[in-house]
Each structure stands twice: as structure tokens, then as C-alpha cells.
């Protein structure tokens, strides 16, 4: 079966445009992991799921300086390495 080059190029262009649209939708659904200087950052939601605790408990950890954090645009972020150290300290108490 022979396909004209023009028809083939048109089909490929439509396929690629649809793939681009799917990629944009996926980027909205699954945002890229936040990073600071190559280090993974976790937000409150990540930590609440990971530690199985409430937002108020995280606030207490921040207030008592148990867990280092960075606040940007009203949102708290935690370095993954700091969270691991925090978990190890809590387990060894």
C-alpha cells in the first residue's frame, strides 16, 4: 500500500500535536518534583501522608524546631534529607 508523502506528513503532524496536548495535561495532573539545588523538597501534604500526622502536628514540629523548613510564598517546604534525620531521631528516642 502506497501513502502519499503529503498525507503521511499530515497524519504525523496530527499525531504529534495530540501527543503534545497529552503531555501538557499530564504535567498539570502530575506536577514535577520540587527541588532546591538538586535536593528533593517535600511540602506539608507530602509530610502529612508520609508521617501520618496532621497539619497541626507539623506546625508543632516547626515551632519546636524539631524539623527544619523553608517558607516560600506562604508554603512550607522540607528537605528530604532533614525529614529522614527527623524520622531516625524519633525512632531512636
PDB file of N, CA and C in Angstrom:
ATOM      1  N   UNK A   1       0.846  -1.168   0.000  1.00  0.00           N
ATOM      2  CA  UNK A   1       0.000   0.000   0.000  1.00  0.00           C
ATOM      3  C   UNK A   1       0.897   1.239   0.000  1.00  0.00           C
ATOM      4  N   UNK A   2       0.564   2.168  -0.849  1.00  0.00           N
ATOM      5  CA  UNK A   2       1.353   3.376  -1.007  1.00  0.00           C
ATOM      6  C   UNK A   2       0.603   4.556  -0.378  1.00  0.00           C
ATOM      7  N   UNK A   3       1.327   5.327   0.462  1.00  0.00           N
ATOM      8  CA  UNK A   3       0.754   6.517   1.082  1.00  0.00           C
ATOM      9  C   UNK A   3       1.508   7.723   0.543  1.00  0.00           C
ATOM     10  N   UNK A   4       0.763   8.690   0.101  1.00  0.00           N
ATOM     11  CA  UNK A   4       1.360   9.918  -0.412  1.00  0.00           C
ATOM     12  C   UNK A   4       2.128  10.619   0.713  1.00  0.00           C
ATOM     13  N   UNK A   5       3.275  11.188   0.391  1.00  0.00           N
ATOM     14  CA  UNK A   5       4.120  11.854   1.384  1.00  0.00           C
ATOM     15  C   UNK A   5       3.362  12.972   2.101  1.00  0.00           C
ATOM     16  N   UNK A   6       2.575  13.704   1.379  1.00  0.00           N
ATOM     17  CA  UNK A   6       1.822  14.808   1.970  1.00  0.00           C
ATOM     18  C   UNK A   6       0.797  14.302   2.983  1.00  0.00           C
ATOM     19  N   UNK A   7       0.111  13.234   2.670  1.00  0.00           N
ATOM     20  CA  UNK A   7      -0.863  12.636   3.590  1.00  0.00           C
ATOM     21  C   UNK A   7      -0.146  12.095   4.825  1.00  0.00           C
ATOM     22  N   UNK A   8       0.984  11.430   4.607  1.00  0.00           N
ATOM     23  CA  UNK A   8       1.768  10.885   5.713  1.00  0.00           C
ATOM     24  C   UNK A   8       2.219  12.005   6.651  1.00  0.00           C
ATOM     25  N   UNK A   9       2.773  13.082   6.095  1.00  0.00           N
ATOM     26  CA  UNK A   9       3.235  14.205   6.911  1.00  0.00           C
ATOM     27  C   UNK A   9       2.083  14.841   7.693  1.00  0.00           C
ATOM     28  N   UNK A  10       0.932  14.943   7.067  1.00  0.00           N
ATOM     29  CA  UNK A  10      -0.239  15.498   7.742  1.00  0.00           C
ATOM     30  C   UNK A  10      -0.666  14.617   8.915  1.00  0.00           C
ATOM     31  N   UNK A  11      -0.680  13.316   8.697  1.00  0.00           N
ATOM     32  CA  UNK A  11      -1.033  12.381   9.772  1.00  0.00           C
ATOM     33  C   UNK A  11      -0.027  12.461  10.917  1.00  0.00           C
ATOM     34  N   UNK A  12       1.242  12.511  10.599  1.00  0.00           N
ATOM     35  CA  UNK A  12       2.275  12.589  11.634  1.00  0.00           C
ATOM     36  C   UNK A  12       2.154  13.899  12.419  1.00  0.00           C
ATOM     37  N   UNK A  13       1.845  14.968  11.729  1.00  0.00           N
ATOM     38  CA  UNK A  13       1.684  16.263  12.395  1.00  0.00           C
ATOM     39  C   UNK A  13       0.519  16.220  13.374  1.00  0.00           C
ATOM     40  N   UNK A  14      -0.582  15.598  12.998  1.00  0.00           N
ATOM     41  CA  UNK A  14      -1.728  15.470  13.893  1.00  0.00           C
ATOM     42  C   UNK A  14      -1.399  14.591  15.089  1.00  0.00           C
ATOM     43  N   UNK A  15      -0.659  13.515  14.865  1.00  0.00           N
ATOM     44  CA  UNK A  15      -0.266  12.621  15.966  1.00  0.00           C
ATOM     45  C   UNK A  15       0.599  13.376  16.964  1.00  0.00           C
ATOM     46  N   UNK A  16       1.602  14.109  16.465  1.00  0.00           N
ATOM     47  CA  UNK A  16       2.491  14.843  17.354  1.00  0.00           C
ATOM     48  C   UNK A  16       1.762  15.957  18.104  1.00  0.00           C
ATOM     49  N   UNK A  17       0.819  16.604  17.466  1.00  0.00           N
ATOM     50  CA  UNK A  17       0.080  17.657  18.166  1.00  0.00           C
ATOM     51  C   UNK A  17      -0.779  17.061  19.272  1.00  0.00           C
ATOM     52  N   UNK A  18      -1.344  15.887  19.040  1.00  0.00           N
ATOM     53  CA  UNK A  18      -2.119  15.226  20.093  1.00  0.00           C
ATOM     54  C   UNK A  18      -1.220  14.770  21.235  1.00  0.00           C
ATOM     55  N   UNK A  19      -0.039  14.261  20.909  1.00  0.00           N
ATOM     56  CA  UNK A  19       0.909  13.864  21.951  1.00  0.00           C
ATOM     57  C   UNK A  19       1.333  15.071  22.789  1.00  0.00           C
ATOM     58  N   UNK A  20       1.542  16.206  22.155  1.00  0.00           N
ATOM     59  CA  UNK A  20       1.887  17.427  22.889  1.00  0.00           C
ATOM     60  C   UNK A  20       0.758  17.831  23.836  1.00  0.00           C
ATOM     61  N   UNK A  21      -0.482  17.711  23.372  1.00  0.00           N
ATOM     62  CA  UNK A  21      -1.630  18.055  24.213  1.00  0.00           C
ATOM     63  C   UNK A  21      -1.725  17.108  25.406  1.00  0.00           C
ATOM     64  N   UNK A  22      -1.468  15.828  25.191  1.00  0.00           N
ATOM     65  CA  UNK A  22      -1.484  14.848  26.285  1.00  0.00           C
ATOM     66  C   UNK A  22      -0.389  15.160  27.284  1.00  0.00           C
ATOM     67  N   UNK A  23       0.794  15.518  26.791  1.00  0.00           N
ATOM     68  CA  UNK A  23       1.913  15.848  27.676  1.00  0.00           C
ATOM     69  C   UNK A  23       1.568  17.051  28.558  1.00  0.00           C
ATOM     70  N   UNK A  24       0.949  18.070  27.991  1.00  0.00           N
ATOM     71  CA  UNK A  24       0.558  19.244  28.767  1.00  0.00           C
ATOM     72  C   UNK A  24      -0.437  18.869  29.863  1.00  0.00           C
ATOM     73  N   UNK A  25      -1.406  18.018  29.534  1.00  0.00           N
ATOM     74  CA  UNK A  25      -2.393  17.588  30.524  1.00  0.00           C
ATOM     75  C   UNK A  25      -1.731  16.777  31.637  1.00  0.00           C
ATOM     76  N   UNK A  26      -0.790  15.913  31.283  1.00  0.00           N
ATOM     77  CA  UNK A  26      -0.082  15.114  32.288  1.00  0.00           C
ATOM     78  C   UNK A  26       0.748  15.989  33.210  1.00  0.00           C
ATOM     79  N   UNK A  27       1.358  17.034  32.679  1.00  0.00           N
ATOM     80  CA  UNK A  27       2.150  17.936  33.516  1.00  0.00           C
ATOM     81  C   UNK A  27       1.286  18.674  34.518  1.00  0.00           C
ATOM     82  N   UNK A  28       0.030  18.899  34.169  1.00  0.00           N
ATOM     83  CA  UNK A  28      -0.899  19.536  35.102  1.00  0.00           C
ATOM     84  C   UNK A  28      -1.311  18.534  36.186  1.00  0.00           C
ATOM     85  N   UNK A  29      -1.595  17.300  35.772  1.00  0.00           N
ATOM     86  CA  UNK A  29      -2.053  16.278  36.711  1.00  0.00           C
ATOM     87  C   UNK A  29      -0.927  15.831  37.640  1.00  0.00           C
ATOM     88  N   UNK A  30       0.246  15.591  37.096  1.00  0.00           N
ATOM     89  CA  UNK A  30       1.383  15.097  37.870  1.00  0.00           C
ATOM     90  C   UNK A  30       2.489  16.143  37.812  1.00  0.00           C
ATOM     91  N   UNK A  31       2.464  17.095  38.754  1.00  0.00           N
ATOM     92  CA  UNK A  31       3.495  18.135  38.715  1.00  0.00           C
ATOM     93  C   UNK A  31       4.877  17.566  38.982  1.00  0.00           C
ATOM     94  N   UNK A  32       5.873  18.242  38.461  1.00  0.00           N
ATOM     95  CA  UNK A  32       7.241  17.809  38.656  1.00  0.00           C
ATOM     96  C   UNK A  32       7.637  17.989  40.110  1.00  0.00           C
ATOM     97  N   UNK A  33       8.511  17.108  40.553  1.00  0.00           N
ATOM     98  CA  UNK A  33       9.001  17.158  41.927  1.00  0.00           C
ATOM     99  C   UNK A  33       9.768  18.445  42.165  1.00  0.00           C
ATOM    100  N   UNK A  34       9.502  19.107  43.262  1.00  0.00           N
ATOM    101  CA  UNK A  34      10.218  20.324  43.611  1.00  0.00           C
ATOM    102  C   UNK A  34      11.633  19.975  44.034  1.00  0.00           C
ATOM    103  N   UNK A  35      12.561  20.844  43.680  1.00  0.00           N
ATOM    104  CA  UNK A  35      13.950  20.607  44.061  1.00  0.00           C
ATOM    105  C   UNK A  35      14.634  21.937  44.321  1.00  0.00           C
ATOM    106  N   UNK A  36      15.569  21.910  45.248  1.00  0.00           N
ATOM    107  CA  UNK A  36      16.374  23.073  45.580  1.00  0.00           C
ATOM    108  C   UNK A  36      17.824  22.637  45.495  1.00  0.00           C
ATOM    109  N   UNK A  37      18.542  23.176  44.543  1.00  0.00           N
ATOM    110  CA  UNK A  37      19.940  22.817  44.330  1.00  0.00           C
ATOM    111  C   UNK A  37      20.102  21.302  44.209  1.00  0.00           C
ATOM    112  N   UNK A  38      19.200  20.664  43.518  1.00  0.00           N
ATOM    113  CA  UNK A  38      19.274  19.222  43.299  1.00  0.00           C
ATOM    114  C   UNK A  38      18.730  18.378  44.436  1.00  0.00           C
ATOM    115  N   UNK A  39      18.325  18.997  45.534  1.00  0.00           N
ATOM    116  CA  UNK A  39      17.788  18.260  46.672  1.00  0.00           C
ATOM    117  C   UNK A  39      16.272  18.207  46.569  1.00  0.00           C
ATOM    118  N   UNK A  40      15.716  17.053  46.877  1.00  0.00           N
ATOM    119  CA  UNK A  40      14.274  16.875  46.828  1.00  0.00           C
ATOM    120  C   UNK A  40      13.614  17.649  47.965  1.00  0.00           C
ATOM    121  N   UNK A  41      12.544  18.352  47.638  1.00  0.00           N
ATOM    122  CA  UNK A  41      11.777  19.096  48.638  1.00  0.00           C
ATOM    123  C   UNK A  41      10.402  18.465  48.795  1.00  0.00           C
ATOM    124  N   UNK A  42       9.934  18.438  50.017  1.00  0.00           N
ATOM    125  CA  UNK A  42       8.609  17.912  50.322  1.00  0.00           C
ATOM    126  C   UNK A  42       7.768  19.045  50.904  1.00  0.00           C
ATOM    127  N   UNK A  43       6.487  19.044  50.599  1.00  0.00           N
ATOM    128  CA  UNK A  43       5.610  20.066  51.175  1.00  0.00           C
ATOM    129  C   UNK A  43       4.788  19.456  52.317  1.00  0.00           C
ATOM    130  N   UNK A  44       3.920  20.260  52.912  1.00  0.00           N
ATOM    131  CA  UNK A  44       3.116  19.782  54.045  1.00  0.00           C
ATOM    132  C   UNK A  44       2.305  18.549  53.686  1.00  0.00           C
ATOM    133  N   UNK A  45       1.706  18.557  52.507  1.00  0.00           N
ATOM    134  CA  UNK A  45       0.874  17.425  52.091  1.00  0.00           C
ATOM    135  C   UNK A  45       1.702  16.152  52.019  1.00  0.00           C
ATOM    136  N   UNK A  46       2.896  16.243  51.439  1.00  0.00           N
ATOM    137  CA  UNK A  46       3.779  15.079  51.353  1.00  0.00           C
ATOM    138  C   UNK A  46       4.089  14.534  52.742  1.00  0.00           C
ATOM    139  N   UNK A  47       4.430  15.442  53.662  1.00  0.00           N
ATOM    140  CA  UNK A  47       4.803  15.019  55.012  1.00  0.00           C
ATOM    141  C   UNK A  47       3.628  14.455  55.795  1.00  0.00           C
ATOM    142  N   UNK A  48       2.450  15.049  55.642  1.00  0.00           N
ATOM    143  CA  UNK A  48       1.283  14.534  56.349  1.00  0.00           C
ATOM    144  C   UNK A  48       0.997  13.087  55.929  1.00  0.00           C
ATOM    145  N   UNK A  49       1.172  12.801  54.655  1.00  0.00           N
ATOM    146  CA  UNK A  49       0.960  11.438  54.161  1.00  0.00           C
ATOM    147  C   UNK A  49       2.077  10.523  54.660  1.00  0.00           C
ATOM    148  N   UNK A  50       3.313  10.996  54.546  1.00  0.00           N
ATOM    149  CA  UNK A  50       4.458  10.185  54.920  1.00  0.00           C
ATOM    150  C   UNK A  50       4.483   9.859  56.409  1.00  0.00           C
ATOM    151  N   UNK A  51       4.233  10.866  57.246  1.00  0.00           N
ATOM    152  CA  UNK A  51       4.310  10.689  58.693  1.00  0.00           C
ATOM    153  C   UNK A  51       2.977  10.302  59.327  1.00  0.00           C
ATOM    154  N   UNK A  52       1.922  10.311  58.518  1.00  0.00           N
ATOM    155  CA  UNK A  52       0.570  10.026  59.006  1.00  0.00           C
ATOM    156  C   UNK A  52       0.230  10.919  60.203  1.00  0.00           C
ATOM    157  N   UNK A  53       0.376  12.218  59.970  1.00  0.00           N
ATOM    158  CA  UNK A  53       0.084  13.186  61.027  1.00  0.00           C
ATOM    159  C   UNK A  53      -0.731  14.338  60.439  1.00  0.00           C
ATOM    160  N   UNK A  54      -1.171  15.209  61.309  1.00  0.00           N
ATOM    161  CA  UNK A  54      -1.990  16.341  60.873  1.00  0.00           C
ATOM    162  C   UNK A  54      -1.124  17.558  60.561  1.00  0.00           C
ATOM    163  N   UNK A  55      -1.755  18.542  59.961  1.00  0.00           N
ATOM    164  CA  UNK A  55      -1.080  19.805  59.678  1.00  0.00           C
ATOM    165  C   UNK A  55      -0.670  20.486  60.983  1.00  0.00           C
ATOM    166  N   UNK A  56      -1.500  20.370  61.983  1.00  0.00           N
ATOM    167  CA  UNK A  56      -1.192  20.969  63.284  1.00  0.00           C
ATOM    168  C   UNK A  56       0.043  20.322  63.917  1.00  0.00           C
ATOM    169  N   UNK A  57       0.196  19.022  63.762  1.00  0.00           N
ATOM    170  CA  UNK A  57       1.379  18.333  64.276  1.00  0.00           C
ATOM    171  C   UNK A  57       2.637  18.836  63.575  1.00  0.00           C
ATOM    172  N   UNK A  58       2.559  19.037  62.271  1.00  0.00           N
ATOM    173  CA  UNK A  58       3.707  19.588  61.545  1.00  0.00           C
ATOM    174  C   UNK A  58       4.029  20.991  62.052  1.00  0.00           C
ATOM    175  N   UNK A  59       2.994  21.767  62.334  1.00  0.00           N
ATOM    176  CA  UNK A  59       3.198  23.110  62.878  1.00  0.00           C
ATOM    177  C   UNK A  59       3.940  23.039  64.207  1.00  0.00           C
ATOM    178  N   UNK A  60       3.587  22.094  65.043  1.00  0.00           N
ATOM    179  CA  UNK A  60       4.264  21.910  66.331  1.00  0.00           C
ATOM    180  C   UNK A  60       5.727  21.542  66.120  1.00  0.00           C
ATOM    181  N   UNK A  61       5.991  20.636  65.194  1.00  0.00           N
ATOM    182  CA  UNK A  61       7.377  20.251  64.895  1.00  0.00           C
ATOM    183  C   UNK A  61       8.192  21.457  64.424  1.00  0.00           C
ATOM    184  N   UNK A  62       7.564  22.322  63.627  1.00  0.00           N
ATOM    185  CA  UNK A  62       8.261  23.524  63.158  1.00  0.00           C
ATOM    186  C   UNK A  62       8.497  24.497  64.306  1.00  0.00           C
ATOM    187  N   UNK A  63       7.467  24.707  65.126  1.00  0.00           N
ATOM    188  CA  UNK A  63       7.569  25.650  66.245  1.00  0.00           C
ATOM    189  C   UNK A  63       8.644  25.237  67.243  1.00  0.00           C
ATOM    190  N   UNK A  64       8.732  23.948  67.501  1.00  0.00           N
ATOM    191  CA  UNK A  64       9.712  23.450  68.467  1.00  0.00           C
ATOM    192  C   UNK A  64      11.080  23.190  67.834  1.00  0.00           C
ATOM    193  N   UNK A  65      11.188  23.549  66.547  1.00  0.00           N
ATOM    194  CA  UNK A  65      12.457  23.421  65.806  1.00  0.00           C
ATOM    195  C   UNK A  65      12.933  21.970  65.704  1.00  0.00           C
ATOM    196  N   UNK A  66      11.986  21.023  65.704  1.00  0.00           N
ATOM    197  CA  UNK A  66      12.328  19.624  65.511  1.00  0.00           C
ATOM    198  C   UNK A  66      12.620  19.334  64.043  1.00  0.00           C
ATOM    199  N   UNK A  67      11.967  20.093  63.182  1.00  0.00           N
ATOM    200  CA  UNK A  67      12.023  19.828  61.751  1.00  0.00           C
ATOM    201  C   UNK A  67      12.346  21.115  60.994  1.00  0.00           C
ATOM    202  N   UNK A  68      13.549  21.221  60.404  1.00  0.00           N
ATOM    203  CA  UNK A  68      13.903  22.427  59.643  1.00  0.00           C
ATOM    204  C   UNK A  68      13.002  22.575  58.405  1.00  0.00           C
ATOM    205  N   UNK A  69      12.720  23.806  58.033  1.00  0.00           N
ATOM    206  CA  UNK A  69      11.863  24.063  56.874  1.00  0.00           C
ATOM    207  C   UNK A  69      12.237  25.394  56.240  1.00  0.00           C
ATOM    208  N   UNK A  70      11.736  25.570  55.028  1.00  0.00           N
ATOM    209  CA  UNK A  70      11.885  26.829  54.309  1.00  0.00           C
ATOM    210  C   UNK A  70      10.483  27.261  53.914  1.00  0.00           C
ATOM    211  N   UNK A  71      10.182  28.533  54.126  1.00  0.00           N
ATOM    212  CA  UNK A  71       8.848  29.032  53.777  1.00  0.00           C
ATOM    213  C   UNK A  71       8.983  29.968  52.580  1.00  0.00           C
ATOM    214  N   UNK A  72       8.264  29.655  51.518  1.00  0.00           N
ATOM    215  CA  UNK A  72       8.284  30.452  50.302  1.00  0.00           C
ATOM    216  C   UNK A  72       6.853  30.677  49.845  1.00  0.00           C
ATOM    217  N   UNK A  73       6.508  31.930  49.636  1.00  0.00           N
ATOM    218  CA  UNK A  73       5.170  32.296  49.173  1.00  0.00           C
ATOM    219  C   UNK A  73       4.090  31.679  50.058  1.00  0.00           C
ATOM    220  N   UNK A  74       4.330  31.650  51.360  1.00  0.00           N
ATOM    221  CA  UNK A  74       3.352  31.142  52.306  1.00  0.00           C
ATOM    222  C   UNK A  74       3.262  29.635  52.386  1.00  0.00           C
ATOM    223  N   UNK A  75       4.148  28.924  51.710  1.00  0.00           N
ATOM    224  CA  UNK A  75       4.110  27.471  51.701  1.00  0.00           C
ATOM    225  C   UNK A  75       5.394  26.932  52.309  1.00  0.00           C
ATOM    226  N   UNK A  76       5.273  25.914  53.165  1.00  0.00           N
ATOM    227  CA  UNK A  76       6.440  25.329  53.831  1.00  0.00           C
ATOM    228  C   UNK A  76       6.982  24.158  53.022  1.00  0.00           C
ATOM    229  N   UNK A  77       8.298  24.113  52.920  1.00  0.00           N
ATOM    230  CA  UNK A  77       8.988  23.017  52.241  1.00  0.00           C
ATOM    231  C   UNK A  77      10.041  22.441  53.169  1.00  0.00           C
ATOM    232  N   UNK A  78      10.242  21.142  53.062  1.00  0.00           N
ATOM    233  CA  UNK A  78      11.197  20.433  53.900  1.00  0.00           C
ATOM    234  C   UNK A  78      12.154  19.652  53.004  1.00  0.00           C
ATOM    235  N   UNK A  79      13.443  19.697  53.332  1.00  0.00           N
ATOM    236  CA  UNK A  79      14.417  18.901  52.591  1.00  0.00           C
ATOM    237  C   UNK A  79      14.216  17.432  52.949  1.00  0.00           C
ATOM    238  N   UNK A  80      14.252  16.562  51.962  1.00  0.00           N
ATOM    239  CA  UNK A  80      14.043  15.132  52.195  1.00  0.00           C
ATOM    240  C   UNK A  80      15.074  14.592  53.184  1.00  0.00           C
ATOM    241  N   UNK A  81      16.306  15.081  53.097  1.00  0.00           N
ATOM    242  CA  UNK A  81      17.370  14.628  53.998  1.00  0.00           C
ATOM    243  C   UNK A  81      17.054  15.016  55.446  1.00  0.00           C
ATOM    244  N   UNK A  82      16.514  16.220  55.668  1.00  0.00           N
ATOM    245  CA  UNK A  82      16.135  16.651  57.015  1.00  0.00           C
ATOM    246  C   UNK A  82      15.007  15.787  57.573  1.00  0.00           C
ATOM    247  N   UNK A  83      14.081  15.414  56.705  1.00  0.00           N
ATOM    248  CA  UNK A  83      12.959  14.576  57.127  1.00  0.00           C
ATOM    249  C   UNK A  83      13.477  13.199  57.541  1.00  0.00           C
ATOM    250  N   UNK A  84      14.412  12.644  56.777  1.00  0.00           N
ATOM    251  CA  UNK A  84      14.988  11.333  57.127  1.00  0.00           C
ATOM    252  C   UNK A  84      15.678  11.397  58.486  1.00  0.00           C
ATOM    253  N   UNK A  85      16.443  12.449  58.716  1.00  0.00           N
ATOM    254  CA  UNK A  85      17.114  12.615  60.010  1.00  0.00           C
ATOM    255  C   UNK A  85      16.095  12.737  61.147  1.00  0.00           C
ATOM    256  N   UNK A  86      15.032  13.485  60.906  1.00  0.00           N
ATOM    257  CA  UNK A  86      13.979  13.655  61.898  1.00  0.00           C
ATOM    258  C   UNK A  86      13.353  12.300  62.250  1.00  0.00           C
ATOM    259  N   UNK A  87      13.071  11.502  61.236  1.00  0.00           N
ATOM    260  CA  UNK A  87      12.460  10.185  61.457  1.00  0.00           C
ATOM    261  C   UNK A  87      13.410   9.298  62.267  1.00  0.00           C
ATOM    262  N   UNK A  88      14.693   9.310  61.926  1.00  0.00           N
ATOM    263  CA  UNK A  88      15.662   8.497  62.666  1.00  0.00           C
ATOM    264  C   UNK A  88      15.761   8.936  64.123  1.00  0.00           C
ATOM    265  N   UNK A  89      15.748  10.242  64.373  1.00  0.00           N
ATOM    266  CA  UNK A  89      15.795  10.753  65.748  1.00  0.00           C
ATOM    267  C   UNK A  89      14.569  10.293  66.527  1.00  0.00           C
ATOM    268  N   UNK A  90      13.407  10.383  65.898  1.00  0.00           N
ATOM    269  CA  UNK A  90      12.154   9.987  66.562  1.00  0.00           C
ATOM    270  C   UNK A  90      12.143   8.491  66.863  1.00  0.00           C
ATOM    271  N   UNK A  91      12.687   7.689  65.963  1.00  0.00           N
ATOM    272  CA  UNK A  91      12.694   6.241  66.157  1.00  0.00           C
ATOM    273  C   UNK A  91      13.652   5.832  67.277  1.00  0.00           C
ATOM    274  N   UNK A  92      14.713   6.587  67.469  1.00  0.00           N
ATOM    275  CA  UNK A  92      15.721   6.229  68.462  1.00  0.00           C
ATOM    276  C   UNK A  92      15.456   6.828  69.844  1.00  0.00           C
ATOM    277  N   UNK A  93      14.341   7.496  70.018  1.00  0.00           N
ATOM    278  CA  UNK A  93      14.019   8.085  71.324  1.00  0.00           C
ATOM    279  C   UNK A  93      13.477   7.050  72.273  1.00  0.00           C
TER     280      UNK A  93
END
